[in-house]
N, C-alpha and C. Protein backbone atom coordinates (compact mmCIF):
# COMPACT_ATOMS: atom_id res chain seq x y z
N MET A 1 0.85 -1.16 0.00
CA MET A 1 0.00 0.00 0.00
C MET A 1 0.90 1.23 0.00
N VAL A 2 0.43 2.24 -0.71
CA VAL A 2 1.21 3.48 -0.79
C VAL A 2 0.25 4.66 -0.91
N THR A 3 0.67 5.78 -0.39
CA THR A 3 -0.07 7.03 -0.55
C THR A 3 0.83 8.01 -1.28
N LEU A 4 0.35 8.50 -2.40
CA LEU A 4 1.11 9.46 -3.19
C LEU A 4 0.35 10.78 -3.22
N ARG A 5 1.10 11.86 -3.17
CA ARG A 5 0.49 13.19 -3.22
C ARG A 5 1.30 14.08 -4.15
N GLY A 6 0.67 15.12 -4.63
CA GLY A 6 1.36 16.13 -5.43
C GLY A 6 1.84 15.63 -6.77
N ALA A 7 3.02 16.09 -7.18
CA ALA A 7 3.57 15.78 -8.49
C ALA A 7 3.81 14.29 -8.68
N ARG A 8 4.26 13.60 -7.63
CA ARG A 8 4.48 12.14 -7.74
C ARG A 8 3.18 11.41 -8.04
N MET A 9 2.09 11.86 -7.43
CA MET A 9 0.80 11.24 -7.66
C MET A 9 0.39 11.39 -9.11
N TYR A 10 0.50 12.58 -9.67
CA TYR A 10 0.09 12.80 -11.04
C TYR A 10 1.00 12.07 -12.03
N GLU A 11 2.28 11.99 -11.74
CA GLU A 11 3.20 11.26 -12.60
C GLU A 11 2.87 9.77 -12.59
N PHE A 12 2.63 9.21 -11.40
CA PHE A 12 2.27 7.81 -11.31
C PHE A 12 0.95 7.52 -12.01
N PHE A 13 -0.04 8.37 -11.78
CA PHE A 13 -1.36 8.16 -12.40
C PHE A 13 -1.26 8.21 -13.92
N ASP A 14 -0.49 9.15 -14.45
CA ASP A 14 -0.31 9.25 -15.90
C ASP A 14 0.31 7.98 -16.46
N ARG A 15 1.37 7.50 -15.82
CA ARG A 15 2.02 6.28 -16.29
C ARG A 15 1.13 5.05 -16.10
N LEU A 16 0.35 5.02 -15.03
CA LEU A 16 -0.56 3.91 -14.78
C LEU A 16 -1.61 3.80 -15.87
N VAL A 17 -2.24 4.93 -16.18
CA VAL A 17 -3.33 4.93 -17.16
C VAL A 17 -2.82 4.76 -18.59
N ASN A 18 -1.72 5.37 -18.93
CA ASN A 18 -1.26 5.35 -20.31
C ASN A 18 -0.30 4.23 -20.67
N ILE A 19 0.39 3.66 -19.69
CA ILE A 19 1.38 2.62 -19.98
C ILE A 19 1.00 1.28 -19.36
N ALA A 20 0.72 1.26 -18.05
CA ALA A 20 0.53 0.00 -17.36
C ALA A 20 -0.84 -0.64 -17.62
N MET A 21 -1.92 0.10 -17.49
CA MET A 21 -3.25 -0.49 -17.66
C MET A 21 -3.49 -1.07 -19.05
N PRO A 22 -3.03 -0.45 -20.12
CA PRO A 22 -3.22 -1.09 -21.43
C PRO A 22 -2.50 -2.44 -21.57
N ARG A 23 -1.54 -2.72 -20.70
CA ARG A 23 -0.81 -3.98 -20.76
C ARG A 23 -1.48 -5.10 -19.96
N ILE A 24 -2.57 -4.80 -19.25
CA ILE A 24 -3.28 -5.80 -18.45
C ILE A 24 -4.06 -6.71 -19.38
N ARG A 25 -3.89 -8.02 -19.18
CA ARG A 25 -4.65 -8.98 -19.97
C ARG A 25 -6.12 -8.93 -19.60
N ASP A 26 -7.00 -9.01 -20.58
CA ASP A 26 -8.46 -9.02 -20.38
C ASP A 26 -8.95 -7.85 -19.54
N PHE A 27 -8.39 -6.68 -19.77
CA PHE A 27 -8.76 -5.49 -18.99
C PHE A 27 -10.16 -5.03 -19.39
N ARG A 28 -11.02 -4.85 -18.40
CA ARG A 28 -12.41 -4.45 -18.64
C ARG A 28 -12.77 -3.18 -17.90
N GLY A 29 -11.77 -2.41 -17.53
CA GLY A 29 -12.03 -1.15 -16.83
C GLY A 29 -11.87 -1.30 -15.34
N VAL A 30 -12.06 -0.21 -14.64
CA VAL A 30 -11.94 -0.20 -13.18
C VAL A 30 -13.33 -0.06 -12.57
N SER A 31 -13.48 -0.53 -11.35
CA SER A 31 -14.77 -0.54 -10.68
C SER A 31 -15.12 0.82 -10.08
N ASN A 32 -16.37 1.20 -10.20
CA ASN A 32 -16.86 2.44 -9.56
C ASN A 32 -17.00 2.25 -8.05
N ARG A 33 -17.14 1.00 -7.61
CA ARG A 33 -17.41 0.72 -6.20
C ARG A 33 -16.15 0.65 -5.35
N ALA A 34 -14.99 0.92 -5.91
CA ALA A 34 -13.74 0.83 -5.16
C ALA A 34 -13.46 2.11 -4.35
N PHE A 35 -14.32 3.10 -4.43
CA PHE A 35 -14.17 4.31 -3.63
C PHE A 35 -14.69 4.05 -2.22
N ASP A 36 -13.96 4.57 -1.23
CA ASP A 36 -14.48 4.49 0.13
C ASP A 36 -15.30 5.76 0.39
N GLY A 37 -15.78 5.93 1.57
CA GLY A 37 -16.62 7.06 1.91
C GLY A 37 -15.90 8.40 1.93
N ARG A 38 -14.58 8.41 1.82
CA ARG A 38 -13.80 9.64 1.91
C ARG A 38 -13.18 10.06 0.59
N GLY A 39 -13.54 9.38 -0.50
CA GLY A 39 -13.02 9.76 -1.81
C GLY A 39 -11.73 9.06 -2.20
N ASN A 40 -11.27 8.11 -1.40
CA ASN A 40 -10.07 7.35 -1.73
C ASN A 40 -10.45 6.18 -2.63
N TYR A 41 -9.54 5.79 -3.51
CA TYR A 41 -9.79 4.70 -4.44
C TYR A 41 -8.81 3.57 -4.18
N SER A 42 -9.31 2.36 -4.10
CA SER A 42 -8.46 1.18 -3.89
C SER A 42 -8.36 0.40 -5.19
N LEU A 43 -7.13 0.05 -5.53
CA LEU A 43 -6.87 -0.65 -6.78
C LEU A 43 -5.76 -1.66 -6.54
N GLY A 44 -5.95 -2.88 -7.01
CA GLY A 44 -4.94 -3.91 -6.85
C GLY A 44 -4.65 -4.59 -8.17
N PHE A 45 -3.45 -5.16 -8.29
CA PHE A 45 -3.05 -5.87 -9.50
C PHE A 45 -2.58 -7.27 -9.14
N LYS A 46 -2.93 -8.24 -9.96
CA LYS A 46 -2.48 -9.61 -9.74
C LYS A 46 -1.09 -9.83 -10.33
N GLU A 47 -0.73 -9.08 -11.34
CA GLU A 47 0.56 -9.24 -11.99
C GLU A 47 1.35 -7.94 -11.90
N GLN A 48 2.63 -8.05 -11.58
CA GLN A 48 3.47 -6.86 -11.51
C GLN A 48 4.17 -6.58 -12.83
N ILE A 49 4.10 -7.50 -13.78
CA ILE A 49 4.85 -7.34 -15.02
C ILE A 49 4.23 -6.31 -15.96
N ILE A 50 3.09 -5.73 -15.58
CA ILE A 50 2.50 -4.68 -16.42
C ILE A 50 3.29 -3.38 -16.34
N PHE A 51 4.12 -3.25 -15.30
CA PHE A 51 4.92 -2.05 -15.14
C PHE A 51 6.24 -2.21 -15.89
N PRO A 52 6.58 -1.29 -16.77
CA PRO A 52 7.81 -1.43 -17.56
C PRO A 52 9.09 -1.33 -16.73
N GLU A 53 9.01 -0.80 -15.52
CA GLU A 53 10.19 -0.68 -14.67
C GLU A 53 10.62 -2.02 -14.08
N ILE A 54 9.73 -3.00 -14.09
CA ILE A 54 10.02 -4.31 -13.51
C ILE A 54 10.91 -5.10 -14.46
N ASP A 55 12.00 -5.63 -13.94
CA ASP A 55 12.92 -6.45 -14.74
C ASP A 55 12.40 -7.88 -14.73
N TYR A 56 11.99 -8.40 -15.89
CA TYR A 56 11.40 -9.72 -16.00
C TYR A 56 12.33 -10.82 -15.53
N ASP A 57 13.64 -10.63 -15.67
CA ASP A 57 14.60 -11.64 -15.27
C ASP A 57 14.69 -11.82 -13.77
N LYS A 58 14.25 -10.83 -13.01
CA LYS A 58 14.33 -10.91 -11.55
C LYS A 58 13.05 -11.46 -10.92
N ILE A 59 12.04 -11.78 -11.71
CA ILE A 59 10.78 -12.30 -11.19
C ILE A 59 10.88 -13.81 -11.03
N ASP A 60 10.62 -14.30 -9.79
CA ASP A 60 10.67 -15.74 -9.54
C ASP A 60 9.34 -16.40 -9.89
N THR A 61 8.23 -15.79 -9.44
CA THR A 61 6.91 -16.35 -9.70
C THR A 61 5.98 -15.27 -10.20
N CYS A 62 4.95 -15.69 -10.87
CA CYS A 62 3.95 -14.75 -11.38
C CYS A 62 2.58 -15.26 -10.94
N ALA A 63 1.85 -14.45 -10.18
CA ALA A 63 0.51 -14.85 -9.72
C ALA A 63 -0.45 -14.83 -10.90
N GLY A 64 -1.40 -15.66 -10.86
CA GLY A 64 -2.35 -15.64 -11.95
C GLY A 64 -3.26 -16.72 -11.89
C-alpha cells in the first residue's frame, strides 16, 4: 500500500493509465465501487509485469 500526493501522484497516475493499464490482460475497466466514503480509491493488481520498470529476469513467480 502506498499514498502518493502532489507531483508524484500525477506522474504515477499518468504512467498507470497510459502505460501499465493497457498492458493488463483481459482489462475491462476499473470498478466504480472501489471508492471508500472519503473519496479514496483502492486498486490492486495480480501481476506486476505490467509495469515497464520491472525487470522480468528478476521475477521468480507470477501470480495468476
